């Protein structure tokens, strides 16, 4: 199981870098959806007692929300906005990938200095660095992308990092906590999707930089 968990975590990192390397919104949604579906398998691989009913339900809920429901909401917002790509990011797409690699290297460095409480074991040695790198990737997208939809994707990537950290550290899965987080994220994405729709309908764009120019 450890090797499968390592493979999933490596794929998560590659999807992070691919997301940083594209400015087109539709492929970005696909990448985040793929990341969510892959992470849905992670709870099944970290338990010492195998995949029980609770873990199976968590995996199904994760795949259904992160891989299906969230992308559908975002595709609907994308169609209503008529936006196709990031227009003027704070950090360009070309420069984002090398910076993403630096964030990844920094995450491995920080993880090497992170001391877990006594008796706590991780499902993989990649858990901490990948979780940190995914959280930082999400923050990077939120800060440097000016399209509201891209910022929602950054929020989802950030939550994916938190999900990796929470799920892979727990051998006895905190089912209620994780499903509560999924519900919170669902509500957040739903509300942000509505906000994007109304921003697009009112201003004919979803560029948050232009919204800062509004006056009373």
C-alpha atoms as a PDB file:
ATOM      1  CA  UNK A   1       0.000   0.000   0.000  1.00  0.00           C
ATOM      2  CA  UNK A   2       2.887   2.335   0.740  1.00  0.00           C
ATOM      3  CA  UNK A   3       4.082   2.328  -2.875  1.00  0.00           C
ATOM      4  CA  UNK A   4       0.580   3.094  -4.135  1.00  0.00           C
ATOM      5  CA  UNK A   5       0.308   6.000  -1.695  1.00  0.00           C
ATOM      6  CA  UNK A   6       3.690   7.280  -2.917  1.00  0.00           C
ATOM      7  CA  UNK A   7       2.489   7.066  -6.518  1.00  0.00           C
ATOM      8  CA  UNK A   8      -0.665   9.027  -5.724  1.00  0.00           C
ATOM      9  CA  UNK A   9       1.320  11.723  -3.938  1.00  0.00           C
ATOM     10  CA  UNK A  10       3.771  12.025  -6.828  1.00  0.00           C
ATOM     11  CA  UNK A  11       0.857  12.439  -9.249  1.00  0.00           C
ATOM     12  CA  UNK A  12      -0.552  15.159  -6.990  1.00  0.00           C
ATOM     13  CA  UNK A  13       2.758  17.043  -7.250  1.00  0.00           C
ATOM     14  CA  UNK A  14       2.823  16.689 -11.050  1.00  0.00           C
ATOM     15  CA  UNK A  15      -0.741  17.996 -11.272  1.00  0.00           C
ATOM     16  CA  UNK A  16       0.256  20.980  -9.121  1.00  0.00           C
ATOM     17  CA  UNK A  17       3.055  21.845 -11.548  1.00  0.00           C
ATOM     18  CA  UNK A  18       0.796  21.306 -14.569  1.00  0.00           C
ATOM     19  CA  UNK A  19      -1.768  23.640 -13.023  1.00  0.00           C
ATOM     20  CA  UNK A  20       0.857  26.331 -12.491  1.00  0.00           C
ATOM     21  CA  UNK A  21       1.955  25.888 -16.095  1.00  0.00           C
ATOM     22  CA  UNK A  22      -1.387  26.599 -17.741  1.00  0.00           C
ATOM     23  CA  UNK A  23      -3.340  29.808 -18.031  1.00  0.00           C
ATOM     24  CA  UNK A  24      -6.388  28.287 -19.694  1.00  0.00           C
ATOM     25  CA  UNK A  25      -9.350  27.889 -17.392  1.00  0.00           C
ATOM     26  CA  UNK A  26     -10.997  24.768 -18.784  1.00  0.00           C
ATOM     27  CA  UNK A  27      -7.835  22.596 -18.608  1.00  0.00           C
ATOM     28  CA  UNK A  28      -7.187  24.022 -15.140  1.00  0.00           C
ATOM     29  CA  UNK A  29     -10.578  22.768 -13.967  1.00  0.00           C
ATOM     30  CA  UNK A  30      -9.795  19.340 -15.428  1.00  0.00           C
ATOM     31  CA  UNK A  31      -6.469  19.218 -13.591  1.00  0.00           C
ATOM     32  CA  UNK A  32      -8.045  20.092 -10.247  1.00  0.00           C
ATOM     33  CA  UNK A  33     -10.814  17.547 -10.870  1.00  0.00           C
ATOM     34  CA  UNK A  34      -8.212  14.858 -11.647  1.00  0.00           C
ATOM     35  CA  UNK A  35      -6.330  15.742  -8.470  1.00  0.00           C
ATOM     36  CA  UNK A  36      -9.507  15.445  -6.418  1.00  0.00           C
ATOM     37  CA  UNK A  37     -10.411  12.067  -7.904  1.00  0.00           C
ATOM     38  CA  UNK A  38      -6.920  10.694  -7.298  1.00  0.00           C
ATOM     39  CA  UNK A  39      -6.979  11.932  -3.700  1.00  0.00           C
ATOM     40  CA  UNK A  40     -10.242  10.054  -3.251  1.00  0.00           C
ATOM     41  CA  UNK A  41      -8.195   6.842  -3.331  1.00  0.00           C
ATOM     42  CA  UNK A  42      -5.841   7.959  -0.581  1.00  0.00           C
ATOM     43  CA  UNK A  43      -8.089   7.124   2.419  1.00  0.00           C
ATOM     44  CA  UNK A  44      -8.263   3.514   1.205  1.00  0.00           C
ATOM     45  CA  UNK A  45      -4.470   3.172   1.356  1.00  0.00           C
ATOM     46  CA  UNK A  46      -3.576   4.613   4.738  1.00  0.00           C
ATOM     47  CA  UNK A  47      -5.535   2.469   7.179  1.00  0.00           C
ATOM     48  CA  UNK A  48      -3.766  -0.383   8.943  1.00  0.00           C
ATOM     49  CA  UNK A  49      -7.046  -2.305   9.095  1.00  0.00           C
ATOM     50  CA  UNK A  50      -7.898  -2.132   5.419  1.00  0.00           C
ATOM     51  CA  UNK A  51     -10.668  -0.327   3.629  1.00  0.00           C
ATOM     52  CA  UNK A  52     -13.702  -0.419   5.886  1.00  0.00           C
ATOM     53  CA  UNK A  53     -17.162   0.957   5.177  1.00  0.00           C
ATOM     54  CA  UNK A  54     -16.377   4.405   6.612  1.00  0.00           C
ATOM     55  CA  UNK A  55     -13.235   4.780   4.518  1.00  0.00           C
ATOM     56  CA  UNK A  56     -15.060   3.571   1.417  1.00  0.00           C
ATOM     57  CA  UNK A  57     -17.807   6.153   2.017  1.00  0.00           C
ATOM     58  CA  UNK A  58     -15.203   8.879   2.505  1.00  0.00           C
ATOM     59  CA  UNK A  59     -13.466   7.858  -0.733  1.00  0.00           C
ATOM     60  CA  UNK A  60     -16.760   7.887  -2.664  1.00  0.00           C
ATOM     61  CA  UNK A  61     -17.737  11.274  -1.190  1.00  0.00           C
ATOM     62  CA  UNK A  62     -14.320  12.732  -2.036  1.00  0.00           C
ATOM     63  CA  UNK A  63     -14.429  11.528  -5.645  1.00  0.00           C
ATOM     64  CA  UNK A  64     -18.053  12.625  -6.077  1.00  0.00           C
ATOM     65  CA  UNK A  65     -17.461  16.137  -4.716  1.00  0.00           C
ATOM     66  CA  UNK A  66     -13.908  16.907  -5.815  1.00  0.00           C
ATOM     67  CA  UNK A  67     -13.998  15.034  -9.114  1.00  0.00           C
ATOM     68  CA  UNK A  68     -17.599  15.572 -10.272  1.00  0.00           C
ATOM     69  CA  UNK A  69     -19.682  18.120  -8.329  1.00  0.00           C
ATOM     70  CA  UNK A  70     -17.089  20.887  -7.976  1.00  0.00           C
ATOM     71  CA  UNK A  71     -15.960  20.758 -11.623  1.00  0.00           C
ATOM     72  CA  UNK A  72     -19.586  20.890 -12.809  1.00  0.00           C
ATOM     73  CA  UNK A  73     -20.202  24.006 -10.708  1.00  0.00           C
ATOM     74  CA  UNK A  74     -17.037  25.598 -12.046  1.00  0.00           C
ATOM     75  CA  UNK A  75     -17.801  24.677 -15.665  1.00  0.00           C
ATOM     76  CA  UNK A  76     -21.198  26.307 -15.265  1.00  0.00           C
ATOM     77  CA  UNK A  77     -19.557  29.468 -13.924  1.00  0.00           C
ATOM     78  CA  UNK A  78     -17.042  29.341 -16.777  1.00  0.00           C
ATOM     79  CA  UNK A  79     -19.789  29.153 -19.400  1.00  0.00           C
ATOM     80  CA  UNK A  80     -21.655  32.073 -17.866  1.00  0.00           C
ATOM     81  CA  UNK A  81     -18.529  34.234 -17.754  1.00  0.00           C
ATOM     82  CA  UNK A  82     -17.291  33.463 -21.298  1.00  0.00           C
ATOM     83  CA  UNK A  83     -13.720  33.629 -19.928  1.00  0.00           C
ATOM     84  CA  UNK A  84     -11.199  31.252 -21.452  1.00  0.00           C
ATOM     85  CA  UNK A  85      -7.825  32.000 -19.880  1.00  0.00           C
ATOM     86  CA  UNK A  86      -5.949  34.060 -17.345  1.00  0.00           C
ATOM     87  CA  UNK A  87      -5.309  37.461 -18.919  1.00  0.00           C
ATOM     88  CA  UNK A  88      -2.770  39.293 -16.776  1.00  0.00           C
ATOM     89  CA  UNK A  89      -1.502  37.233 -13.819  1.00  0.00           C
ATOM     90  CA  UNK A  90       0.774  38.789 -11.226  1.00  0.00           C
ATOM     91  CA  UNK A  91       3.322  36.056 -12.026  1.00  0.00           C
ATOM     92  CA  UNK A  92       3.337  34.764 -15.587  1.00  0.00           C
ATOM     93  CA  UNK A  93       2.634  31.146 -16.455  1.00  0.00           C
ATOM     94  CA  UNK A  94       6.197  30.596 -17.690  1.00  0.00           C
ATOM     95  CA  UNK A  95       7.708  31.803 -14.424  1.00  0.00           C
ATOM     96  CA  UNK A  96       5.146  29.977 -12.272  1.00  0.00           C
ATOM     97  CA  UNK A  97       6.530  26.481 -12.911  1.00  0.00           C
ATOM     98  CA  UNK A  98      10.113  27.244 -11.727  1.00  0.00           C
ATOM     99  CA  UNK A  99       8.653  29.005  -8.703  1.00  0.00           C
ATOM    100  CA  UNK A 100       6.488  25.937  -8.110  1.00  0.00           C
ATOM    101  CA  UNK A 101       9.622  23.786  -8.129  1.00  0.00           C
ATOM    102  CA  UNK A 102      11.193  26.133  -5.585  1.00  0.00           C
ATOM    103  CA  UNK A 103       8.086  25.813  -3.409  1.00  0.00           C
ATOM    104  CA  UNK A 104       8.347  22.035  -3.718  1.00  0.00           C
ATOM    105  CA  UNK A 105      12.019  22.086  -2.699  1.00  0.00           C
ATOM    106  CA  UNK A 106      11.191  24.383   0.217  1.00  0.00           C
ATOM    107  CA  UNK A 107       8.412  22.014   1.264  1.00  0.00           C
ATOM    108  CA  UNK A 108      10.826  19.090   1.441  1.00  0.00           C
ATOM    109  CA  UNK A 109      13.204  21.229   3.493  1.00  0.00           C
ATOM    110  CA  UNK A 110      10.443  22.306   5.902  1.00  0.00           C
ATOM    111  CA  UNK A 111       9.136  18.733   6.178  1.00  0.00           C
ATOM    112  CA  UNK A 112      12.610  17.482   7.108  1.00  0.00           C
ATOM    113  CA  UNK A 113      12.580  19.841  10.080  1.00  0.00           C
ATOM    114  CA  UNK A 114       9.019  19.069  11.141  1.00  0.00           C
ATOM    115  CA  UNK A 115       8.831  16.905  14.250  1.00  0.00           C
ATOM    116  CA  UNK A 116       5.752  14.753  14.665  1.00  0.00           C
ATOM    117  CA  UNK A 117       4.482  13.902  18.171  1.00  0.00           C
ATOM    118  CA  UNK A 118       5.797  10.675  19.644  1.00  0.00           C
ATOM    119  CA  UNK A 119       3.930   7.606  18.446  1.00  0.00           C
ATOM    120  CA  UNK A 120       2.503   9.296  15.346  1.00  0.00           C
ATOM    121  CA  UNK A 121       3.416   7.590  12.086  1.00  0.00           C
ATOM    122  CA  UNK A 122       2.771   8.731   8.541  1.00  0.00           C
ATOM    123  CA  UNK A 123       1.523   6.524   5.734  1.00  0.00           C
ATOM    124  CA  UNK A 124       4.345   7.723   3.456  1.00  0.00           C
ATOM    125  CA  UNK A 125       7.499   9.785   3.771  1.00  0.00           C
ATOM    126  CA  UNK A 126       6.103  12.007   1.018  1.00  0.00           C
ATOM    127  CA  UNK A 127       3.000  13.006   2.976  1.00  0.00           C
ATOM    128  CA  UNK A 128       4.365  16.101   4.716  1.00  0.00           C
ATOM    129  CA  UNK A 129       6.299  17.629   1.792  1.00  0.00           C
ATOM    130  CA  UNK A 130       3.497  16.947  -0.704  1.00  0.00           C
ATOM    131  CA  UNK A 131       0.854  18.350   1.652  1.00  0.00           C
ATOM    132  CA  UNK A 132       2.923  21.491   2.253  1.00  0.00           C
ATOM    133  CA  UNK A 133       3.703  21.884  -1.453  1.00  0.00           C
ATOM    134  CA  UNK A 134       0.025  21.533  -2.381  1.00  0.00           C
ATOM    135  CA  UNK A 135      -1.041  24.082   0.231  1.00  0.00           C
ATOM    136  CA  UNK A 136       1.616  26.523  -1.012  1.00  0.00           C
ATOM    137  CA  UNK A 137       0.586  25.902  -4.628  1.00  0.00           C
ATOM    138  CA  UNK A 138      -3.007  26.772  -3.739  1.00  0.00           C
ATOM    139  CA  UNK A 139      -1.916  29.953  -1.965  1.00  0.00           C
ATOM    140  CA  UNK A 140       0.271  30.846  -4.949  1.00  0.00           C
ATOM    141  CA  UNK A 141      -2.705  30.546  -7.310  1.00  0.00           C
ATOM    142  CA  UNK A 142      -4.921  32.633  -5.038  1.00  0.00           C
ATOM    143  CA  UNK A 143      -2.314  35.394  -4.767  1.00  0.00           C
ATOM    144  CA  UNK A 144      -1.011  35.528  -8.344  1.00  0.00           C
ATOM    145  CA  UNK A 145      -4.093  34.772 -10.458  1.00  0.00           C
ATOM    146  CA  UNK A 146      -6.569  37.573 -11.088  1.00  0.00           C
ATOM    147  CA  UNK A 147      -9.454  35.607 -12.572  1.00  0.00           C
ATOM    148  CA  UNK A 148     -11.969  34.802  -9.841  1.00  0.00           C
ATOM    149  CA  UNK A 149     -12.361  31.260 -11.187  1.00  0.00           C
ATOM    150  CA  UNK A 150      -8.620  30.625 -10.894  1.00  0.00           C
ATOM    151  CA  UNK A 151      -8.736  31.833  -7.304  1.00  0.00           C
ATOM    152  CA  UNK A 152     -11.493  29.305  -6.585  1.00  0.00           C
ATOM    153  CA  UNK A 153      -9.256  26.616  -8.079  1.00  0.00           C
ATOM    154  CA  UNK A 154      -6.454  27.807  -5.807  1.00  0.00           C
ATOM    155  CA  UNK A 155      -8.795  27.444  -2.852  1.00  0.00           C
ATOM    156  CA  UNK A 156      -9.573  23.860  -3.890  1.00  0.00           C
ATOM    157  CA  UNK A 157      -5.885  23.001  -4.315  1.00  0.00           C
ATOM    158  CA  UNK A 158      -5.134  24.456  -0.880  1.00  0.00           C
ATOM    159  CA  UNK A 159      -7.876  22.280   0.613  1.00  0.00           C
ATOM    160  CA  UNK A 160      -6.453  19.271  -1.208  1.00  0.00           C
ATOM    161  CA  UNK A 161      -3.174  19.864   0.607  1.00  0.00           C
ATOM    162  CA  UNK A 162      -4.974  19.997   3.940  1.00  0.00           C
ATOM    163  CA  UNK A 163      -6.831  16.810   2.958  1.00  0.00           C
ATOM    164  CA  UNK A 164      -3.535  15.019   2.218  1.00  0.00           C
ATOM    165  CA  UNK A 165      -2.119  16.114   5.558  1.00  0.00           C
ATOM    166  CA  UNK A 166      -5.215  15.109   7.540  1.00  0.00           C
ATOM    167  CA  UNK A 167      -5.981  11.802   5.838  1.00  0.00           C
ATOM    168  CA  UNK A 168      -2.479  10.396   5.479  1.00  0.00           C
ATOM    169  CA  UNK A 169      -1.461  11.134   9.062  1.00  0.00           C
ATOM    170  CA  UNK A 170      -4.434   9.305  10.508  1.00  0.00           C
ATOM    171  CA  UNK A 171      -4.367   5.524  10.597  1.00  0.00           C
ATOM    172  CA  UNK A 172      -7.741   5.609  12.387  1.00  0.00           C
ATOM    173  CA  UNK A 173      -9.584   7.845   9.964  1.00  0.00           C
ATOM    174  CA  UNK A 174     -11.508  10.764  11.578  1.00  0.00           C
ATOM    175  CA  UNK A 175     -14.475  10.183   9.285  1.00  0.00           C
ATOM    176  CA  UNK A 176     -16.759  12.855  10.686  1.00  0.00           C
ATOM    177  CA  UNK A 177     -14.034  15.506  10.626  1.00  0.00           C
ATOM    178  CA  UNK A 178     -13.071  14.801   7.013  1.00  0.00           C
ATOM    179  CA  UNK A 179     -16.670  14.673   5.784  1.00  0.00           C
ATOM    180  CA  UNK A 180     -17.313  17.925   7.659  1.00  0.00           C
ATOM    181  CA  UNK A 181     -14.392  19.521   5.805  1.00  0.00           C
ATOM    182  CA  UNK A 182     -15.757  18.251   2.485  1.00  0.00           C
ATOM    183  CA  UNK A 183     -19.154  19.752   3.286  1.00  0.00           C
ATOM    184  CA  UNK A 184     -17.566  23.098   4.188  1.00  0.00           C
ATOM    185  CA  UNK A 185     -15.613  23.113   0.938  1.00  0.00           C
ATOM    186  CA  UNK A 186     -18.747  22.231  -1.025  1.00  0.00           C
ATOM    187  CA  UNK A 187     -20.607  25.169   0.479  1.00  0.00           C
ATOM    188  CA  UNK A 188     -17.621  27.449  -0.160  1.00  0.00           C
ATOM    189  CA  UNK A 189     -17.318  26.454  -3.819  1.00  0.00           C
ATOM    190  CA  UNK A 190     -21.088  26.729  -4.313  1.00  0.00           C
ATOM    191  CA  UNK A 191     -21.147  30.256  -2.874  1.00  0.00           C
ATOM    192  CA  UNK A 192     -18.082  31.304  -4.897  1.00  0.00           C
ATOM    193  CA  UNK A 193     -19.663  29.890  -8.052  1.00  0.00           C
ATOM    194  CA  UNK A 194     -22.739  32.048  -7.471  1.00  0.00           C
ATOM    195  CA  UNK A 195     -20.507  35.064  -6.813  1.00  0.00           C
ATOM    196  CA  UNK A 196     -18.595  34.478 -10.065  1.00  0.00           C
ATOM    197  CA  UNK A 197     -21.879  34.252 -11.966  1.00  0.00           C
ATOM    198  CA  UNK A 198     -23.123  37.568 -10.590  1.00  0.00           C
ATOM    199  CA  UNK A 199     -19.757  39.289 -11.104  1.00  0.00           C
ATOM    200  CA  UNK A 200     -19.727  38.147 -14.737  1.00  0.00           C
ATOM    201  CA  UNK A 201     -23.336  39.192 -15.333  1.00  0.00           C
ATOM    202  CA  UNK A 202     -22.796  42.640 -13.816  1.00  0.00           C
ATOM    203  CA  UNK A 203     -19.326  43.540 -15.113  1.00  0.00           C
ATOM    204  CA  UNK A 204     -18.873  41.246 -18.162  1.00  0.00           C
ATOM    205  CA  UNK A 205     -15.634  39.870 -16.710  1.00  0.00           C
ATOM    206  CA  UNK A 206     -14.343  37.935 -13.706  1.00  0.00           C
ATOM    207  CA  UNK A 207     -11.072  39.829 -13.305  1.00  0.00           C
ATOM    208  CA  UNK A 208     -10.801  40.714  -9.612  1.00  0.00           C
ATOM    209  CA  UNK A 209      -8.155  43.347 -10.363  1.00  0.00           C
ATOM    210  CA  UNK A 210     -10.717  45.465 -12.158  1.00  0.00           C
ATOM    211  CA  UNK A 211     -13.145  45.149  -9.251  1.00  0.00           C
ATOM    212  CA  UNK A 212     -10.654  46.962  -7.025  1.00  0.00           C
ATOM    213  CA  UNK A 213     -11.121  50.062  -9.159  1.00  0.00           C
ATOM    214  CA  UNK A 214     -14.778  50.431  -8.216  1.00  0.00           C
ATOM    215  CA  UNK A 215     -15.694  53.657  -6.445  1.00  0.00           C
ATOM    216  CA  UNK A 216     -18.692  54.627  -4.333  1.00  0.00           C
END
